[in-house]
C-alpha cells in the first residue's frame, strides 16, 4: 500500500508541474493528530483492529471523493489520474476489508461514533468545501 501511495503522489506532483499548478501543503488536522495519539496507546490485536477500521473508513471516504471529482473535472489528464487513483483505492478498500475478515472483524464496520472523520474536505458524494488544488 505504501508503494501505491508514493506512486499516486508522484503522479499528482508530475501532473501539477506539467500544468503549472501549486499543490496544497497538507497539514494534519487536530482529528488526525488525536487519532494518531489514540492509536499509539493501543497494542496487539486491539491496535490491529483499530488501525484496519481506520484504514477502511479512510479509503472508503477517499474513494467516494475521487469518484465525485472524476465526475466533475473536464481535463483529460486529470480524469486519467483520478481513474488510476480510483482503481488503486478500490484495491486498498478490498485489501482492508479482507484483512479485517482475516482478523475476525468482518462484521465490525466503523461507525461515525467509533471512527473520527478524516481531515479531507466535504461529505462524500457532495461537493467538498474546498476545490482541490489539483
N, C-alpha and C. Protein backbone atom coordinates (compact mmCIF):
# COMPACT_ATOMS: atom_id res chain seq x y z
N UNK A 1 0.82 -1.19 0.00
CA UNK A 1 0.00 0.00 0.00
C UNK A 1 0.86 1.26 0.00
N UNK A 2 1.95 1.24 0.72
CA UNK A 2 2.81 2.42 0.79
C UNK A 2 3.34 2.77 -0.59
N UNK A 3 3.78 1.77 -1.33
CA UNK A 3 4.30 2.00 -2.69
C UNK A 3 3.22 2.60 -3.58
N UNK A 4 2.00 2.10 -3.47
CA UNK A 4 0.89 2.65 -4.25
C UNK A 4 0.67 4.12 -3.93
N UNK A 5 0.72 4.47 -2.65
CA UNK A 5 0.52 5.86 -2.24
C UNK A 5 1.66 6.74 -2.76
N UNK A 6 2.88 6.23 -2.71
CA UNK A 6 4.02 7.00 -3.20
C UNK A 6 3.90 7.24 -4.71
N UNK A 7 3.49 6.20 -5.45
CA UNK A 7 3.33 6.33 -6.90
C UNK A 7 2.20 7.30 -7.24
N UNK A 8 1.11 7.24 -6.49
CA UNK A 8 0.00 8.18 -6.72
C UNK A 8 0.45 9.61 -6.48
N UNK A 9 1.19 9.81 -5.40
CA UNK A 9 1.68 11.15 -5.08
C UNK A 9 2.61 11.66 -6.18
N UNK A 10 3.48 10.80 -6.68
CA UNK A 10 4.38 11.20 -7.76
C UNK A 10 3.59 11.60 -9.00
N UNK A 11 2.52 10.87 -9.30
CA UNK A 11 1.68 11.19 -10.45
C UNK A 11 1.02 12.55 -10.29
N UNK A 12 0.56 12.86 -9.09
CA UNK A 12 -0.08 14.15 -8.82
C UNK A 12 0.94 15.27 -8.97
N UNK A 13 2.13 15.08 -8.42
CA UNK A 13 3.18 16.10 -8.49
C UNK A 13 3.58 16.33 -9.95
N UNK A 14 3.75 15.27 -10.71
CA UNK A 14 4.13 15.40 -12.11
C UNK A 14 3.07 16.16 -12.90
N UNK A 15 1.81 15.80 -12.69
CA UNK A 15 0.73 16.48 -13.41
C UNK A 15 0.65 17.95 -13.01
N UNK A 16 0.79 18.22 -11.74
CA UNK A 16 0.76 19.61 -11.28
C UNK A 16 1.88 20.42 -11.92
N UNK A 17 3.07 19.83 -11.98
CA UNK A 17 4.20 20.53 -12.61
C UNK A 17 3.94 20.78 -14.09
N UNK A 18 3.38 19.79 -14.78
CA UNK A 18 3.06 19.93 -16.21
C UNK A 18 2.04 21.04 -16.44
N UNK A 19 1.09 21.17 -15.53
CA UNK A 19 0.01 22.15 -15.68
C UNK A 19 0.35 23.49 -15.04
N UNK A 20 1.51 23.57 -14.38
CA UNK A 20 1.90 24.82 -13.73
C UNK A 20 1.07 25.14 -12.50
N UNK A 21 0.63 24.10 -11.79
CA UNK A 21 -0.21 24.29 -10.62
C UNK A 21 0.60 24.16 -9.33
N UNK A 22 0.13 24.83 -8.31
CA UNK A 22 0.75 24.75 -6.98
C UNK A 22 -0.12 23.81 -6.14
N UNK A 23 0.52 22.84 -5.52
CA UNK A 23 -0.20 21.88 -4.69
C UNK A 23 -0.36 22.40 -3.27
N UNK A 24 -1.48 22.02 -2.69
CA UNK A 24 -1.77 22.34 -1.29
C UNK A 24 -0.79 21.59 -0.40
N UNK A 25 -0.22 22.26 0.59
CA UNK A 25 0.69 21.64 1.54
C UNK A 25 -0.13 21.06 2.69
N UNK A 26 -0.33 19.76 2.67
CA UNK A 26 -1.17 19.10 3.67
C UNK A 26 -0.58 19.22 5.07
N UNK A 27 -1.44 19.57 6.00
CA UNK A 27 -1.10 19.59 7.41
C UNK A 27 -2.14 18.76 8.15
N UNK A 28 -1.71 17.85 9.00
CA UNK A 28 -2.68 17.02 9.73
C UNK A 28 -3.61 17.89 10.57
N UNK A 29 -4.89 17.49 10.59
CA UNK A 29 -5.87 18.20 11.41
C UNK A 29 -5.74 17.76 12.86
N UNK A 30 -6.44 18.43 13.73
CA UNK A 30 -6.43 18.03 15.14
C UNK A 30 -7.05 16.65 15.29
N UNK A 31 -8.02 16.32 14.44
CA UNK A 31 -8.62 14.97 14.47
C UNK A 31 -7.58 13.93 14.08
N UNK A 32 -6.81 14.22 13.02
CA UNK A 32 -5.75 13.29 12.60
C UNK A 32 -4.73 13.08 13.72
N UNK A 33 -4.32 14.17 14.35
CA UNK A 33 -3.34 14.08 15.42
C UNK A 33 -3.88 13.31 16.62
N UNK A 34 -5.14 13.54 16.96
CA UNK A 34 -5.77 12.83 18.08
C UNK A 34 -5.90 11.34 17.76
N UNK A 35 -6.25 11.03 16.52
CA UNK A 35 -6.37 9.63 16.11
C UNK A 35 -5.02 8.93 16.20
N UNK A 36 -3.97 9.61 15.70
CA UNK A 36 -2.63 9.03 15.80
C UNK A 36 -2.23 8.79 17.25
N UNK A 37 -2.54 9.75 18.12
CA UNK A 37 -2.20 9.62 19.54
C UNK A 37 -2.96 8.45 20.16
N UNK A 38 -4.24 8.31 19.80
CA UNK A 38 -5.03 7.20 20.34
C UNK A 38 -4.48 5.85 19.89
N UNK A 39 -4.07 5.76 18.62
CA UNK A 39 -3.50 4.51 18.12
C UNK A 39 -2.20 4.17 18.84
N UNK A 40 -1.42 5.17 19.19
CA UNK A 40 -0.15 4.92 19.88
C UNK A 40 -0.36 4.31 21.26
N UNK A 41 -1.55 4.49 21.82
CA UNK A 41 -1.84 3.93 23.14
C UNK A 41 -2.36 2.50 23.07
N UNK A 42 -2.52 1.97 21.86
CA UNK A 42 -3.02 0.61 21.68
C UNK A 42 -1.87 -0.32 21.30
N UNK A 43 -2.11 -1.61 21.47
CA UNK A 43 -1.11 -2.59 21.05
C UNK A 43 -1.79 -3.90 20.71
N UNK A 44 -1.05 -4.74 20.03
CA UNK A 44 -1.54 -6.08 19.71
C UNK A 44 -2.78 -6.07 18.84
N UNK A 45 -3.68 -7.01 19.12
CA UNK A 45 -4.90 -7.18 18.34
C UNK A 45 -5.79 -5.94 18.40
N UNK A 46 -5.78 -5.26 19.55
CA UNK A 46 -6.60 -4.05 19.69
C UNK A 46 -6.11 -2.96 18.71
N UNK A 47 -4.80 -2.81 18.60
CA UNK A 47 -4.23 -1.86 17.66
C UNK A 47 -4.56 -2.28 16.22
N UNK A 48 -4.35 -3.55 15.91
CA UNK A 48 -4.60 -4.04 14.56
C UNK A 48 -6.03 -3.77 14.12
N UNK A 49 -6.98 -4.07 14.99
CA UNK A 49 -8.39 -3.87 14.66
C UNK A 49 -8.69 -2.37 14.46
N UNK A 50 -8.23 -1.54 15.35
CA UNK A 50 -8.49 -0.10 15.24
C UNK A 50 -7.84 0.47 13.98
N UNK A 51 -6.62 0.05 13.71
CA UNK A 51 -5.90 0.53 12.52
C UNK A 51 -6.62 0.11 11.25
N UNK A 52 -7.03 -1.14 11.17
CA UNK A 52 -7.74 -1.62 9.98
C UNK A 52 -9.08 -0.90 9.80
N UNK A 53 -9.78 -0.66 10.88
CA UNK A 53 -11.06 0.07 10.79
C UNK A 53 -10.83 1.48 10.25
N UNK A 54 -9.80 2.14 10.75
CA UNK A 54 -9.50 3.49 10.27
C UNK A 54 -9.08 3.48 8.81
N UNK A 55 -8.25 2.52 8.43
CA UNK A 55 -7.82 2.44 7.04
C UNK A 55 -9.00 2.19 6.11
N UNK A 56 -9.88 1.29 6.50
CA UNK A 56 -11.05 1.01 5.68
C UNK A 56 -11.94 2.24 5.55
N UNK A 57 -12.23 2.89 6.65
CA UNK A 57 -13.08 4.09 6.62
C UNK A 57 -12.43 5.21 5.79
N UNK A 58 -11.14 5.44 5.99
CA UNK A 58 -10.44 6.49 5.25
C UNK A 58 -10.41 6.21 3.75
N UNK A 59 -10.16 4.96 3.39
CA UNK A 59 -10.11 4.60 1.97
C UNK A 59 -11.49 4.65 1.33
N UNK A 60 -12.53 4.27 2.07
CA UNK A 60 -13.89 4.37 1.53
C UNK A 60 -14.25 5.83 1.28
N UNK A 61 -13.91 6.69 2.21
CA UNK A 61 -14.19 8.12 2.04
C UNK A 61 -13.39 8.69 0.87
N UNK A 62 -12.12 8.32 0.79
CA UNK A 62 -11.28 8.80 -0.32
C UNK A 62 -11.85 8.32 -1.66
N UNK A 63 -12.32 7.09 -1.72
CA UNK A 63 -12.90 6.55 -2.95
C UNK A 63 -14.11 7.37 -3.38
N UNK A 64 -14.97 7.69 -2.44
CA UNK A 64 -16.15 8.49 -2.77
C UNK A 64 -15.75 9.87 -3.27
N UNK A 65 -14.77 10.48 -2.66
CA UNK A 65 -14.32 11.81 -3.09
C UNK A 65 -13.66 11.76 -4.46
N UNK A 66 -12.84 10.73 -4.70
CA UNK A 66 -12.21 10.59 -6.01
C UNK A 66 -13.27 10.41 -7.10
N UNK A 67 -14.29 9.59 -6.82
CA UNK A 67 -15.36 9.38 -7.79
C UNK A 67 -16.13 10.68 -8.04
N UNK A 68 -16.37 11.44 -6.98
CA UNK A 68 -17.06 12.72 -7.15
C UNK A 68 -16.25 13.63 -8.06
N UNK A 69 -14.95 13.80 -7.75
CA UNK A 69 -14.14 14.73 -8.53
C UNK A 69 -13.95 14.25 -9.96
N UNK A 70 -13.89 12.94 -10.17
CA UNK A 70 -13.77 12.44 -11.54
C UNK A 70 -15.00 12.83 -12.36
N UNK A 71 -16.16 12.87 -11.73
CA UNK A 71 -17.38 13.25 -12.44
C UNK A 71 -17.45 14.75 -12.70
N UNK A 72 -16.61 15.54 -12.03
CA UNK A 72 -16.66 16.99 -12.14
C UNK A 72 -15.62 17.60 -13.08
N UNK A 73 -14.46 16.95 -13.17
CA UNK A 73 -13.37 17.55 -13.95
C UNK A 73 -13.53 17.30 -15.44
N UNK A 74 -12.97 18.19 -16.24
CA UNK A 74 -13.02 18.04 -17.68
C UNK A 74 -11.64 17.80 -18.29
N UNK A 75 -10.58 18.12 -17.55
CA UNK A 75 -9.23 17.92 -18.05
C UNK A 75 -8.96 16.42 -18.23
N UNK A 76 -8.61 15.97 -19.44
CA UNK A 76 -8.41 14.54 -19.69
C UNK A 76 -7.25 13.94 -18.88
N UNK A 77 -6.19 14.73 -18.67
CA UNK A 77 -5.06 14.22 -17.88
C UNK A 77 -5.47 14.00 -16.43
N UNK A 78 -6.21 14.94 -15.88
CA UNK A 78 -6.67 14.81 -14.50
C UNK A 78 -7.69 13.68 -14.38
N UNK A 79 -8.57 13.55 -15.37
CA UNK A 79 -9.54 12.44 -15.36
C UNK A 79 -8.81 11.10 -15.34
N UNK A 80 -7.74 10.99 -16.14
CA UNK A 80 -6.96 9.76 -16.19
C UNK A 80 -6.28 9.48 -14.85
N UNK A 81 -5.70 10.52 -14.25
CA UNK A 81 -5.05 10.37 -12.95
C UNK A 81 -6.07 9.93 -11.90
N UNK A 82 -7.24 10.53 -11.91
CA UNK A 82 -8.29 10.16 -10.96
C UNK A 82 -8.74 8.71 -11.19
N UNK A 83 -8.84 8.30 -12.44
CA UNK A 83 -9.24 6.93 -12.76
C UNK A 83 -8.23 5.94 -12.18
N UNK A 84 -6.95 6.24 -12.34
CA UNK A 84 -5.91 5.38 -11.77
C UNK A 84 -6.01 5.34 -10.25
N UNK A 85 -6.24 6.51 -9.65
CA UNK A 85 -6.35 6.57 -8.18
C UNK A 85 -7.57 5.80 -7.69
N UNK A 86 -8.66 5.85 -8.45
CA UNK A 86 -9.88 5.11 -8.07
C UNK A 86 -9.60 3.62 -8.09
N UNK A 87 -8.94 3.15 -9.14
CA UNK A 87 -8.63 1.72 -9.24
C UNK A 87 -7.76 1.27 -8.08
N UNK A 88 -6.74 2.06 -7.75
CA UNK A 88 -5.85 1.72 -6.64
C UNK A 88 -6.59 1.76 -5.32
N UNK A 89 -7.42 2.76 -5.12
CA UNK A 89 -8.16 2.90 -3.86
C UNK A 89 -9.16 1.76 -3.70
N UNK A 90 -9.80 1.34 -4.79
CA UNK A 90 -10.71 0.19 -4.72
C UNK A 90 -9.96 -1.06 -4.26
N UNK A 91 -8.74 -1.24 -4.74
CA UNK A 91 -7.92 -2.38 -4.31
C UNK A 91 -7.60 -2.27 -2.82
N UNK A 92 -7.31 -1.06 -2.36
CA UNK A 92 -6.99 -0.87 -0.94
C UNK A 92 -8.21 -1.11 -0.06
N UNK A 93 -9.39 -0.71 -0.51
CA UNK A 93 -10.63 -0.99 0.24
C UNK A 93 -10.82 -2.50 0.34
N UNK A 94 -10.62 -3.18 -0.76
CA UNK A 94 -10.76 -4.64 -0.77
C UNK A 94 -9.74 -5.30 0.16
N UNK A 95 -8.51 -4.82 0.11
CA UNK A 95 -7.46 -5.37 0.96
C UNK A 95 -7.77 -5.14 2.44
N UNK A 96 -8.20 -3.94 2.78
CA UNK A 96 -8.54 -3.64 4.18
C UNK A 96 -9.72 -4.49 4.63
N UNK A 97 -10.72 -4.65 3.77
CA UNK A 97 -11.89 -5.48 4.11
C UNK A 97 -11.49 -6.92 4.34
N UNK A 98 -10.67 -7.46 3.44
CA UNK A 98 -10.27 -8.85 3.59
C UNK A 98 -9.35 -9.03 4.79
N UNK A 99 -8.53 -8.03 5.10
CA UNK A 99 -7.67 -8.11 6.28
C UNK A 99 -8.51 -8.13 7.55
N UNK A 100 -9.58 -7.34 7.55
CA UNK A 100 -10.46 -7.33 8.72
C UNK A 100 -11.16 -8.68 8.85
N UNK A 101 -11.54 -9.27 7.74
CA UNK A 101 -12.18 -10.58 7.77
C UNK A 101 -11.22 -11.61 8.33
N UNK A 102 -9.97 -11.53 7.91
CA UNK A 102 -8.96 -12.46 8.40
C UNK A 102 -8.67 -12.27 9.87
N UNK A 103 -8.90 -11.07 10.36
CA UNK A 103 -8.65 -10.79 11.78
C UNK A 103 -9.88 -11.07 12.64
N UNK A 104 -10.94 -11.59 11.98
CA UNK A 104 -12.15 -11.91 12.73
C UNK A 104 -13.00 -10.71 13.03
N UNK A 105 -12.85 -9.65 12.21
CA UNK A 105 -13.61 -8.43 12.48
C UNK A 105 -14.46 -8.05 11.28
N UNK A 106 -14.85 -9.02 10.47
CA UNK A 106 -15.59 -8.73 9.24
C UNK A 106 -16.88 -7.97 9.51
N UNK A 107 -17.55 -8.28 10.59
CA UNK A 107 -18.82 -7.60 10.86
C UNK A 107 -18.62 -6.30 11.62
N UNK A 108 -17.39 -5.99 11.94
CA UNK A 108 -17.10 -4.79 12.70
C UNK A 108 -16.80 -3.63 11.75
N UNK A 109 -17.86 -2.98 11.29
CA UNK A 109 -17.72 -1.86 10.37
C UNK A 109 -17.62 -0.57 11.18
N UNK A 110 -16.66 0.28 10.83
CA UNK A 110 -16.54 1.53 11.57
C UNK A 110 -17.80 2.37 11.45
N UNK A 111 -18.12 3.07 12.51
CA UNK A 111 -19.28 3.95 12.50
C UNK A 111 -18.80 5.37 12.78
N UNK A 112 -19.69 6.30 12.60
CA UNK A 112 -19.32 7.69 12.85
C UNK A 112 -18.89 7.89 14.29
N UNK A 113 -19.49 7.14 15.21
CA UNK A 113 -19.13 7.33 16.61
C UNK A 113 -17.83 6.63 16.98
N UNK A 114 -17.43 5.60 16.21
CA UNK A 114 -16.22 4.88 16.57
C UNK A 114 -15.02 5.30 15.73
N UNK A 115 -15.25 6.02 14.62
CA UNK A 115 -14.17 6.39 13.75
C UNK A 115 -14.17 7.89 13.55
N UNK A 116 -13.11 8.57 13.96
CA UNK A 116 -13.05 10.01 13.73
C UNK A 116 -13.08 10.30 12.24
N UNK A 117 -13.68 11.40 11.88
CA UNK A 117 -13.76 11.79 10.47
C UNK A 117 -12.38 12.16 9.98
N UNK A 118 -12.00 11.67 8.79
CA UNK A 118 -10.72 12.07 8.22
C UNK A 118 -10.72 13.57 7.96
N UNK A 119 -9.56 14.12 7.76
CA UNK A 119 -9.45 15.57 7.62
C UNK A 119 -9.71 16.07 6.21
N UNK A 120 -10.06 15.17 5.29
CA UNK A 120 -10.31 15.63 3.93
C UNK A 120 -11.56 16.48 3.89
N UNK A 121 -11.71 17.21 2.79
CA UNK A 121 -12.77 18.20 2.72
C UNK A 121 -14.09 17.60 2.27
N UNK A 122 -15.16 17.97 2.94
CA UNK A 122 -16.50 17.70 2.46
C UNK A 122 -17.06 16.35 2.84
N UNK A 123 -18.33 16.19 2.49
CA UNK A 123 -19.05 14.96 2.72
C UNK A 123 -19.01 14.14 1.45
N UNK A 124 -18.73 12.84 1.54
CA UNK A 124 -18.68 12.02 0.34
C UNK A 124 -19.98 12.15 -0.46
N UNK A 125 -19.82 12.24 -1.76
CA UNK A 125 -20.99 12.32 -2.63
C UNK A 125 -21.50 13.74 -2.82
N UNK A 126 -20.94 14.68 -2.11
CA UNK A 126 -21.31 16.08 -2.30
C UNK A 126 -20.02 16.86 -2.54
N UNK A 127 -20.20 18.05 -2.99
CA UNK A 127 -19.02 18.88 -3.27
C UNK A 127 -18.31 19.20 -1.97
N UNK A 128 -17.01 18.87 -1.87
CA UNK A 128 -16.25 19.26 -0.69
C UNK A 128 -16.22 20.77 -0.56
N UNK A 129 -15.92 21.23 0.63
CA UNK A 129 -15.99 22.65 0.92
C UNK A 129 -14.90 23.44 0.20
N UNK A 130 -13.85 22.79 -0.21
CA UNK A 130 -12.79 23.48 -0.93
C UNK A 130 -12.54 22.77 -2.25
N UNK A 131 -12.28 23.53 -3.27
CA UNK A 131 -11.87 22.94 -4.53
C UNK A 131 -10.44 22.47 -4.38
N UNK A 132 -10.14 21.23 -4.77
CA UNK A 132 -8.77 20.76 -4.61
C UNK A 132 -7.82 21.58 -5.47
N UNK A 133 -6.60 21.73 -5.03
CA UNK A 133 -5.61 22.47 -5.79
C UNK A 133 -5.23 21.72 -7.06
N UNK A 134 -5.43 20.41 -7.09
CA UNK A 134 -5.33 19.59 -8.28
C UNK A 134 -6.05 18.30 -8.02
